[in-house]
Every structure is written in C-alpha cells, then in structure tokens.
Protein backbone atom coordinates (compact mmCIF):
# COMPACT_ATOMS: atom_id res chain seq x y z
CA MET A 1 68.30 84.17 19.48
CA SER A 2 71.86 85.45 19.92
CA LEU A 3 70.51 88.62 21.50
CA LEU A 4 68.65 86.54 24.11
CA ASN A 5 71.80 84.55 24.81
CA ARG A 6 73.82 87.72 25.33
CA LYS A 7 71.17 89.09 27.69
CA SER A 8 71.12 85.82 29.63
CA THR A 9 74.92 85.81 29.89
CA SER A 10 75.05 89.41 31.05
CA GLU A 11 72.30 88.72 33.60
CA LYS A 12 74.27 85.77 35.01
CA SER A 13 77.41 87.87 35.14
CA ARG A 14 75.59 90.64 36.98
CA LYS A 15 74.19 88.17 39.52
CA LEU A 16 77.64 86.66 40.07
CA LYS A 17 79.10 90.10 40.73
CA GLU A 18 76.30 90.92 43.14
CA ALA A 19 76.82 87.62 44.94
CA TYR A 20 80.56 88.33 45.16
CA PHE A 21 80.20 91.83 46.60
CA THR A 22 77.43 90.81 49.04
CA ALA A 23 79.05 87.56 50.21
CA SER A 24 80.29 87.22 53.75
CA GLN A 25 83.92 86.52 54.63
CA GLY A 26 83.14 82.85 55.27
CA GLN A 27 81.45 82.44 51.90
CA LEU A 28 84.42 84.04 50.12
CA ILE A 29 86.87 81.77 51.93
CA ARG A 30 84.86 78.67 50.99
CA ALA A 31 84.63 79.78 47.34
CA ARG A 32 88.38 80.43 47.07
CA PHE A 33 89.20 77.19 48.88
CA ARG A 34 87.16 75.14 46.39
CA GLN A 35 89.29 76.54 43.56
CA ASN A 36 92.43 74.99 45.05
CA ARG A 37 92.44 71.42 43.71
CA ALA A 38 95.34 70.20 45.83
CA ALA A 39 93.69 71.50 48.99
CA MET A 40 90.35 69.93 48.03
CA VAL A 41 91.96 66.52 47.42
CA ALA A 42 93.80 66.82 50.74
CA ALA A 43 90.56 67.84 52.48
CA VAL A 44 88.78 64.76 51.11
CA ALA A 45 91.66 62.49 52.19
CA LEU A 46 91.76 64.13 55.61
CA THR A 47 87.99 63.76 56.02
CA ILE A 48 88.22 60.06 55.16
CA MET A 49 91.00 59.49 57.69
CA VAL A 50 89.13 61.43 60.37
CA LEU A 51 86.02 59.30 59.80
CA MET A 52 88.16 56.14 59.83
CA GLY A 53 89.63 57.18 63.16
CA PHE A 54 86.30 58.16 64.70
CA PHE A 55 84.56 54.94 63.62
CA ALA A 56 87.63 52.78 64.25
CA PRO A 57 85.87 50.35 66.64
CA PHE A 58 83.08 49.74 64.12
CA LEU A 59 85.50 49.33 61.20
CA SER A 60 87.85 47.05 63.15
CA PRO A 61 87.01 43.34 63.19
CA TYR A 62 89.20 42.72 66.26
CA ALA A 63 90.27 44.52 69.41
CA PRO A 64 93.53 46.45 68.90
CA ASN A 65 95.07 45.23 72.18
CA ILE A 66 96.34 41.84 73.25
CA SER A 67 92.81 40.49 73.74
CA GLY A 68 92.21 40.66 69.98
CA ARG A 69 95.31 38.80 68.84
CA ASP A 70 95.30 35.78 66.55
CA LYS A 71 97.65 33.19 68.04
CA SER A 72 97.53 31.05 64.90
CA TYR A 73 98.63 33.90 62.60
CA GLU A 74 101.60 35.68 64.17
CA ASN A 75 103.65 37.92 61.85
CA GLY A 76 101.18 37.00 59.12
CA PRO A 77 101.14 38.89 55.81
CA PRO A 78 98.12 40.95 54.67
CA GLN A 79 95.08 38.98 53.55
CA ILE A 80 93.30 40.39 50.51
CA PRO A 81 89.74 39.12 49.86
CA LYS A 82 89.16 37.61 46.42
CA PHE A 83 86.17 37.15 44.15
CA TRP A 84 87.49 34.46 41.84
CA ASP A 85 90.30 31.93 41.44
CA GLU A 86 90.94 28.71 39.55
CA ASN A 87 87.93 27.15 41.31
CA GLY A 88 85.50 29.69 39.87
CA PHE A 89 83.79 33.02 40.61
CA SER A 90 82.04 33.95 43.85
CA ALA A 91 79.66 36.86 44.41
CA ARG A 92 80.86 37.03 48.03
CA PRO A 93 84.49 37.94 48.80
CA PHE A 94 86.42 35.08 50.33
CA LEU A 95 89.76 34.07 51.81
CA TYR A 96 91.55 30.74 51.78
CA THR A 97 91.68 28.52 54.85
CA LEU A 98 95.07 28.67 56.57
CA GLU A 99 96.71 25.52 57.90
CA ARG A 100 99.74 25.40 60.19
CA GLU A 101 102.15 22.51 60.56
CA ARG A 102 105.70 21.70 61.58
CA SER A 103 108.12 19.91 59.31
CA ILE A 104 111.72 18.68 59.28
CA GLN A 105 112.54 20.97 56.33
CA THR A 106 111.85 24.07 58.47
CA ASN A 107 113.60 22.78 61.63
CA PHE A 108 110.20 22.07 63.18
CA ARG A 109 109.10 25.69 62.98
CA TRP A 110 105.46 26.53 62.37
CA VAL A 111 104.68 26.92 58.67
CA THR A 112 101.41 28.41 57.43
CA THR A 113 100.02 27.22 54.12
CA GLU A 114 96.86 28.06 52.15
CA ASN A 115 94.26 25.43 51.38
CA ARG A 116 92.84 26.82 48.14
CA ASP A 117 90.00 24.30 48.12
CA LYS A 118 88.47 25.58 51.35
CA ARG A 119 87.06 29.10 51.24
CA ARG A 120 86.19 31.38 54.16
CA TYR A 121 83.59 33.96 53.18
CA VAL A 122 83.59 37.58 54.32
CA GLU A 123 80.44 38.65 56.16
CA PHE A 124 79.19 42.16 56.84
CA PHE A 125 77.65 43.70 59.98
CA VAL A 126 78.81 40.92 62.26
CA ARG A 127 78.92 40.68 66.04
CA GLY A 128 82.26 40.67 67.80
CA TRP A 129 84.11 42.34 70.67
CA LYS A 130 82.31 45.04 72.65
CA TYR A 131 83.36 48.69 72.53
CA SER A 132 82.07 52.08 73.72
CA TYR A 133 82.20 55.30 71.73
CA ILE A 134 82.19 57.24 75.00
CA ASP A 135 84.69 55.67 77.37
CA ILE A 136 86.10 57.94 80.08
CA GLU A 137 88.41 56.49 82.68
CA TRP A 138 90.35 58.86 84.89
CA ASN A 139 92.12 57.58 87.96
CA LEU A 140 94.98 59.32 89.72
CA PRO A 141 96.46 57.27 92.56
CA GLY A 142 96.25 58.96 95.92
CA THR A 143 93.34 61.25 94.95
CA LEU A 144 89.59 61.11 95.34
CA PHE A 145 88.99 61.90 91.66
CA ASP A 146 88.01 58.59 90.04
CA VAL A 147 85.81 58.48 86.93
CA ASP A 148 84.80 55.41 84.92
CA PHE A 149 82.00 56.19 82.49
CA GLN A 150 80.92 54.31 79.36
CA ALA A 151 78.11 54.99 76.89
CA LEU A 152 77.03 53.95 73.38
CA THR A 153 78.27 50.40 73.92
CA THR A 154 77.78 47.84 71.15
CA ASP A 155 79.44 44.82 69.54
CA LEU A 156 78.51 45.50 65.89
CA HIS A 157 81.34 45.56 63.33
CA LEU A 158 81.44 46.25 59.62
CA PHE A 159 82.93 42.96 58.46
CA GLY A 160 84.34 39.63 59.56
CA VAL A 161 84.65 36.05 58.32
CA ASP A 162 82.54 33.01 58.99
CA GLU A 163 85.55 30.99 60.16
CA GLY A 164 89.00 31.99 61.41
CA GLY A 165 90.34 35.55 61.11
CA ILE A 166 90.77 38.26 58.51
CA HIS A 167 93.76 40.62 58.64
CA LEU A 168 93.80 43.19 55.84
CA PHE A 169 97.15 44.69 56.93
CA GLY A 170 98.60 41.52 58.42
CA THR A 171 99.55 40.87 62.04
CA ASP A 172 102.50 41.70 64.28
CA ALA A 173 104.73 39.38 66.29
CA SER A 174 102.09 38.87 68.99
CA GLY A 175 99.29 38.22 66.46
CA LYS A 176 97.52 41.59 66.90
CA ASP A 177 95.68 42.89 63.84
CA ILE A 178 97.64 45.80 62.30
CA TYR A 179 94.56 47.10 60.46
CA SER A 180 92.62 47.51 63.71
CA ARG A 181 95.63 49.02 65.48
CA THR A 182 96.20 51.51 62.64
CA LEU A 183 92.63 52.81 62.75
CA HIS A 184 92.75 53.21 66.52
CA ALA A 185 96.16 54.90 66.23
CA ILE A 186 94.67 57.49 63.86
CA ASN A 187 91.91 58.11 66.40
CA THR A 188 94.49 58.55 69.16
CA SER A 189 96.55 60.96 67.06
CA LEU A 190 93.45 63.03 66.30
CA ALA A 191 92.56 63.17 69.98
CA VAL A 192 96.11 64.11 71.03
CA GLY A 193 96.33 66.77 68.32
CA THR A 194 92.93 68.26 69.15
CA LEU A 195 93.62 68.51 72.88
CA GLY A 196 97.16 69.80 72.41
CA VAL A 197 96.15 72.41 69.82
CA LEU A 198 93.19 73.54 71.93
CA ILE A 199 95.40 74.16 74.97
CA SER A 200 98.16 75.91 73.00
CA PHE A 201 95.66 77.99 70.98
CA VAL A 202 93.89 79.33 74.08
CA LEU A 203 97.19 80.18 75.79
CA ALA A 204 98.61 81.78 72.64
CA LEU A 205 95.53 83.95 72.06
CA PHE A 206 95.44 85.17 75.63
CA ILE A 207 99.17 85.75 76.21
CA GLY A 208 99.95 87.03 72.71
CA GLY A 209 96.86 89.25 72.64
CA VAL A 210 97.55 90.83 76.01
CA ALA A 211 101.26 91.35 75.27
CA GLY A 212 100.67 92.85 71.83
CA TYR A 213 97.81 95.15 72.80
CA PHE A 214 99.05 96.61 76.08
CA GLY A 215 102.81 96.52 75.49
CA GLY A 216 105.09 98.12 78.09
CA TRP A 217 106.10 96.17 81.17
CA ILE A 218 103.27 93.67 80.63
CA ASP A 219 104.75 92.78 77.26
CA SER A 220 108.24 92.47 78.75
CA VAL A 221 107.12 90.11 81.51
CA LEU A 222 105.08 87.93 79.15
CA GLN A 223 107.94 87.76 76.64
CA MET A 224 110.29 86.61 79.40
CA ILE A 225 107.86 83.81 80.20
CA THR A 226 107.50 82.95 76.51
CA ASP A 227 111.27 82.81 76.01
CA ALA A 228 111.62 80.63 79.09
CA ILE A 229 109.09 78.12 77.71
CA ARG A 230 110.78 78.12 74.31
CA THR A 231 114.17 77.28 75.79
CA VAL A 232 112.86 74.11 77.47
CA PRO A 233 114.26 71.12 75.50
CA PRO A 234 111.38 68.70 74.81
CA ILE A 235 113.31 65.41 74.84
CA PRO A 236 114.92 65.83 78.30
CA LEU A 237 111.61 67.17 79.58
CA PHE A 238 109.73 64.08 78.46
CA MET A 239 112.50 61.82 79.75
CA ALA A 240 111.98 63.35 83.18
CA LEU A 241 108.19 63.12 82.85
CA ALA A 242 108.40 59.49 81.70
CA ALA A 243 110.33 58.69 84.86
CA PHE A 244 107.81 60.66 86.91
CA MET A 245 104.66 58.96 85.59
CA PRO A 246 103.61 56.12 87.92
CA ASP A 247 103.03 52.67 86.47
CA ALA A 248 99.62 52.64 88.18
CA TRP A 249 98.30 55.34 85.86
CA SER A 250 95.70 54.12 83.40
CA ALA A 251 96.17 54.42 79.64
CA GLU A 252 93.64 57.28 79.48
CA THR A 253 95.46 59.19 82.23
CA ARG A 254 98.77 58.86 80.38
CA PHE A 255 97.12 60.01 77.18
CA PHE A 256 95.65 63.13 78.80
CA PHE A 257 98.96 63.90 80.52
CA ILE A 258 101.02 63.63 77.31
CA ALA A 259 98.53 65.70 75.27
CA SER A 260 98.40 68.41 77.95
CA ILE A 261 102.19 68.70 78.12
CA LEU A 262 102.41 68.98 74.32
CA GLY A 263 99.87 71.80 74.44
CA LEU A 264 101.60 73.60 77.31
CA ILE A 265 104.95 73.72 75.50
CA GLY A 266 103.56 74.41 72.01
CA TRP A 267 101.99 77.87 72.41
CA PRO A 268 105.02 80.29 72.36
CA THR A 269 105.44 80.39 68.55
CA LEU A 270 101.81 81.29 67.86
CA ALA A 271 101.78 83.73 70.79
CA ARG A 272 104.76 85.60 69.35
CA ARG A 273 103.11 85.91 65.94
CA ILE A 274 99.87 87.17 67.46
CA ARG A 275 101.85 89.70 69.52
CA THR A 276 103.76 90.93 66.46
CA HIS A 277 100.60 91.52 64.45
CA LEU A 278 98.85 93.26 67.32
CA LEU A 279 101.81 95.59 67.83
CA THR A 280 101.51 96.54 64.16
CA GLU A 281 97.73 96.88 64.04
CA ARG A 282 96.97 98.53 67.37
CA SER A 283 98.00 101.98 66.09
CA GLN A 284 95.72 101.84 63.04
CA GLU A 285 92.90 104.35 62.66
CA TYR A 286 90.08 101.82 62.97
CA VAL A 287 91.45 100.75 66.36
CA LEU A 288 91.65 104.35 67.54
CA ALA A 289 88.09 104.94 66.30
CA ALA A 290 86.84 101.94 68.26
CA GLU A 291 88.59 103.16 71.41
CA LEU A 292 87.16 106.67 71.02
CA CYS A 293 83.68 105.13 70.75
CA GLY A 294 84.19 103.61 74.20
CA ALA A 295 84.97 100.01 73.17
CA SER A 296 86.72 97.96 75.83
CA SER A 297 90.14 96.42 75.31
CA GLY A 298 88.68 92.93 75.07
CA HIS A 299 86.14 94.08 72.46
CA VAL A 300 88.84 95.76 70.36
CA ILE A 301 91.08 92.69 70.45
CA ARG A 302 88.25 90.22 69.79
CA ARG A 303 86.21 92.11 67.16
CA HIS A 304 88.80 94.26 65.36
CA LEU A 305 92.39 93.12 65.83
CA LEU A 306 92.18 89.32 65.73
CA PRO A 307 89.96 89.19 62.59
CA SER A 308 92.51 91.37 60.78
CA PHE A 309 94.96 88.46 60.55
CA THR A 310 92.61 85.47 60.65
CA SER A 311 94.49 83.82 57.79
CA TYR A 312 97.70 83.67 59.83
CA ILE A 313 95.92 82.16 62.81
CA ILE A 314 94.26 79.55 60.56
CA VAL A 315 97.49 78.44 58.94
CA ASP A 316 99.26 78.36 62.30
CA LEU A 317 96.57 76.12 63.73
CA MET A 318 96.69 73.78 60.74
CA ILE A 319 100.48 73.59 61.00
CA THR A 320 100.44 73.18 64.78
CA PHE A 321 98.10 70.19 64.55
CA PRO A 322 100.49 67.92 62.58
CA TYR A 323 103.37 69.30 64.68
CA VAL A 324 101.67 68.02 67.84
CA VAL A 325 100.95 64.69 66.13
CA ARG A 326 104.58 64.44 64.97
CA SER A 327 105.81 65.28 68.46
CA GLU A 328 103.66 62.55 70.00
CA THR A 329 104.76 60.11 67.28
CA ALA A 330 108.44 60.90 67.82
CA LEU A 331 108.15 60.57 71.60
CA SER A 332 106.24 57.29 71.32
CA PHE A 333 108.76 56.04 68.76
CA ILE A 334 111.63 56.45 71.24
CA GLY A 335 109.55 55.06 74.10
CA LEU A 336 108.80 58.31 75.96
CA GLY A 337 105.21 58.86 74.83
CA LEU A 338 102.16 56.65 74.67
CA THR A 339 102.72 52.92 75.03
CA ASP A 340 100.56 49.80 75.09
CA PRO A 341 97.67 49.37 75.55
CA VAL A 342 97.24 52.82 73.93
CA ASN A 343 97.63 52.53 70.15
CA SER A 344 99.36 55.51 68.56
CA LEU A 345 101.16 55.96 65.27
CA GLY A 346 104.41 56.37 67.17
CA SER A 347 104.03 53.14 69.13
CA LEU A 348 103.20 51.26 65.91
CA MET A 349 106.38 52.54 64.27
CA GLN A 350 108.69 51.42 67.07
CA SER A 351 109.39 48.10 65.38
CA VAL A 352 109.93 49.30 61.79
CA SER A 353 113.58 50.15 62.46
CA LYS A 354 114.49 46.53 63.11
CA ALA A 355 116.45 44.77 60.37
CA ASP A 356 114.28 41.65 60.61
CA VAL A 357 111.15 43.70 59.94
CA ILE A 358 112.70 45.53 56.99
CA LEU A 359 113.76 42.26 55.36
CA ASN A 360 110.82 39.97 56.13
CA TYR A 361 107.78 41.87 57.43
CA GLN A 362 107.34 44.91 55.21
CA TRP A 363 103.63 45.24 56.08
CA TYR A 364 104.73 46.81 59.37
CA PHE A 365 105.31 49.98 57.32
CA ILE A 366 101.60 50.41 56.49
CA PRO A 367 101.00 52.68 59.56
CA VAL A 368 103.95 54.79 58.39
CA LEU A 369 102.16 55.45 55.10
CA PHE A 370 99.05 56.55 56.98
CA PHE A 371 101.15 58.87 59.14
CA ILE A 372 102.74 60.50 56.08
CA ALA A 373 99.36 60.92 54.38
CA PHE A 374 97.89 62.31 57.61
CA VAL A 375 100.56 65.00 58.00
CA LEU A 376 100.63 65.94 54.30
CA ALA A 377 96.85 66.29 54.22
CA PHE A 378 96.97 68.78 57.09
CA VAL A 379 99.77 70.74 55.41
CA PHE A 380 97.93 71.05 52.09
CA VAL A 381 94.64 71.94 53.77
CA GLY A 382 96.45 74.56 55.86
CA ASP A 383 98.05 76.11 52.78
CA GLY A 384 94.69 76.15 51.02
CA LEU A 385 92.97 77.83 53.95
CA ARG A 386 95.76 80.40 54.19
CA ASP A 387 95.41 81.33 50.53
CA ALA A 388 91.62 81.37 50.78
CA ALA A 389 91.63 83.59 53.87
CA ASP A 390 94.16 86.03 52.38
CA PRO A 391 92.27 88.44 50.06
CA TYR A 392 95.52 89.40 48.30
CA SER A 393 96.72 85.87 47.56
CA HIS A 394 95.29 85.85 44.01
CA SER A 395 96.59 89.29 43.15
CA LYS A 396 100.16 88.26 43.97
CA ARG A 397 100.18 85.52 41.32
C-alpha cells in the first residue's frame, strides 16, 4: 500500500513539474499571485468596491443629488436595520418611525425622536428613482457637437422601506443620502482613474518607447518635452483651468475635462522608466537577432522589448491609478476639481475639515474610510502583481 502511495505522490509531483515548465507567462503570474495572501485579500476588496461603484444606481435607494434628499432627516445619523428589540423578533429587518417636533427646551429647534412602537420594514427590489447605466451627455457651448444618449434605463433598486426613508450612512446638511453619494463617488473615481490612466499609459508607451529605442536627437527632443511637462505645477494649473471652465458646461463635460488633464500631465514618470529600460535592453543579443531577421522597429519594441519589463509596467499602472484618484480627490477637496452635481470622493470630503462636523457629525467620515481602503487595495494588488510578474522575486527572499 505504501508503495502505491509513493508512486501516486511521485506521479503528482511529475505532473506538477510538467505543468510548471509548460505553463504560459500568464498562468505563472496567476499562480504566483494567488500565493500572496495580502494581495488576494486586497483583490477581493477591490473587486467588491468596483462592483459597488458599477452597480451604484441599483444599490442606492435614493438619487445622490439634491432631488434625492430627505428634508425631514437633515444631518441625520446612520440608520441600522434591526431584527429584534424589546417588542419581539421580526424575520424582516425594520427601522423605527422618526418623529420631529419643536420644543421650548431646544429653543424651538427641530428635534428628531424614535417611536419604538411603530416599525418601518425594509423591502427588497423596490421601485424608485429612474437611472440609466449608459448616460452620455456632452455639450460644449459654441460648438455643434451635442450628444445626449441614454440606454438601459430602469427604476429598480435593491432595497427600500415601506414608509419614510432609510439612510445607512446618515445624511448631510441638505438631507442627501451619504450611502448613495458614496457609492456614486466610487464609480466616479473609477471612471476618472480609468480615463486618466488610459491617456497617460498610451502617451508614456509611445513617447518612452520611441525615445528609448531610437535615442540620439529624437531622445533629446522628447526628453525636453517630458521635462517641460514635469515642471508644470498641478495646483496653479488647475486654478487657471477652474477659472477657464465655463459655468454652462455640464457635469459630464467637466468630468471628462478633469480626467483628460490628469492623464495629460501624468505620463512623464512612466515614460522615463520605459525609456530607461529600452536604452538598457536595445543592445541585447536577442534584439540584434530580431533586427538581423528583418523585424521592424515597431515589432521589436512591441514583441521583444516591452515584454522584457512587463512587471515594471504593471506596477506603474497600478500605482498610477490611485495617484490619479488621489489627485482628483485633492483637487475636489480644495474646490478645483469635480463639484456638485458630480459626486466624487474629494467633493464628499470637503466638509470633514469643519469643527462642527468633527464634533457632532462623525458619519461624514465614512467616505474617507472608503477612499483609504480604495487606495490601499490598489497598492497591495500592484505589489502582488509586481512580485508575480518578476520571475526572480521568490529567489531574492
């Protein structure tokens, strides 16, 4: 019996070795990435937040703008559904009915109290405000280019209550639901990061690849342009752009403009790294062999040089993404980026620096926690992908 077990073990070992030596580069990267527990946890958290942002309209019981505010629950604390209390157990989650009144003790200010005898039950798959998953509105004043397209429109939402409102993260001073605004802010940050990284990645690959492969006067001219872009201070630039943007621009136009500018000023760092690696690799024997076989410059760069440092490109992209998100958040925080009615993590954090909020309305900090988790998840996933794409990462430990 032991002999059969040893043969079975050796057969499994042989198959594992064969699978290792015959695996493609993508399969090896996925296998090494799964061994990194921190990166896997971050990948799961990042996937959840991405899905929350993408399905934000469905997951949000109310519109994130002023049309979805609750006038009877301004600056209200988070409401947590319950299953039981002193009145007994309920199979359906419920909230207490809120009652507002003025009294002499509070100088005739509105006071909200809970009526624990009246329950409001949470319902699932309810009908509410209408939204469109594809909503494109592009309108530049003074031009003929005007697009207003909507598709996949519905009014179905995951949850709601049979009476009144439900605010899982509380409300702000105008009565807008912070939970709905946070989910839409994550979606906005993902869209800004994706567009900004896409623009900067394409520019960095083209400019860095051409400069590193050809060298000479082409490299000198491109490096002068790169250095000029790097010396542009972002804050004064966005102050000038904020003054330039007309008030007549729609929220979507402002969003596209801000994301494009972040991408146009974010490519020099990656372009320099690509250039440095190409300068090192272009004199290698495999590059000379490809050139002697008649391969074009584009083929050599695309099929031989760029794959030689894929791990560096991957980690740069994963680091650039939260950098773009942080840049948008910082600009929106100081009032130079996206503003209402666009919900972004930066615009949500504009009010957290007020003393009144810090002392009395701590639930305003919930979007800050999502922002921190969002950035950290990208950093850990980027580190995991870098280690997985580097074949020598395990040998160095």
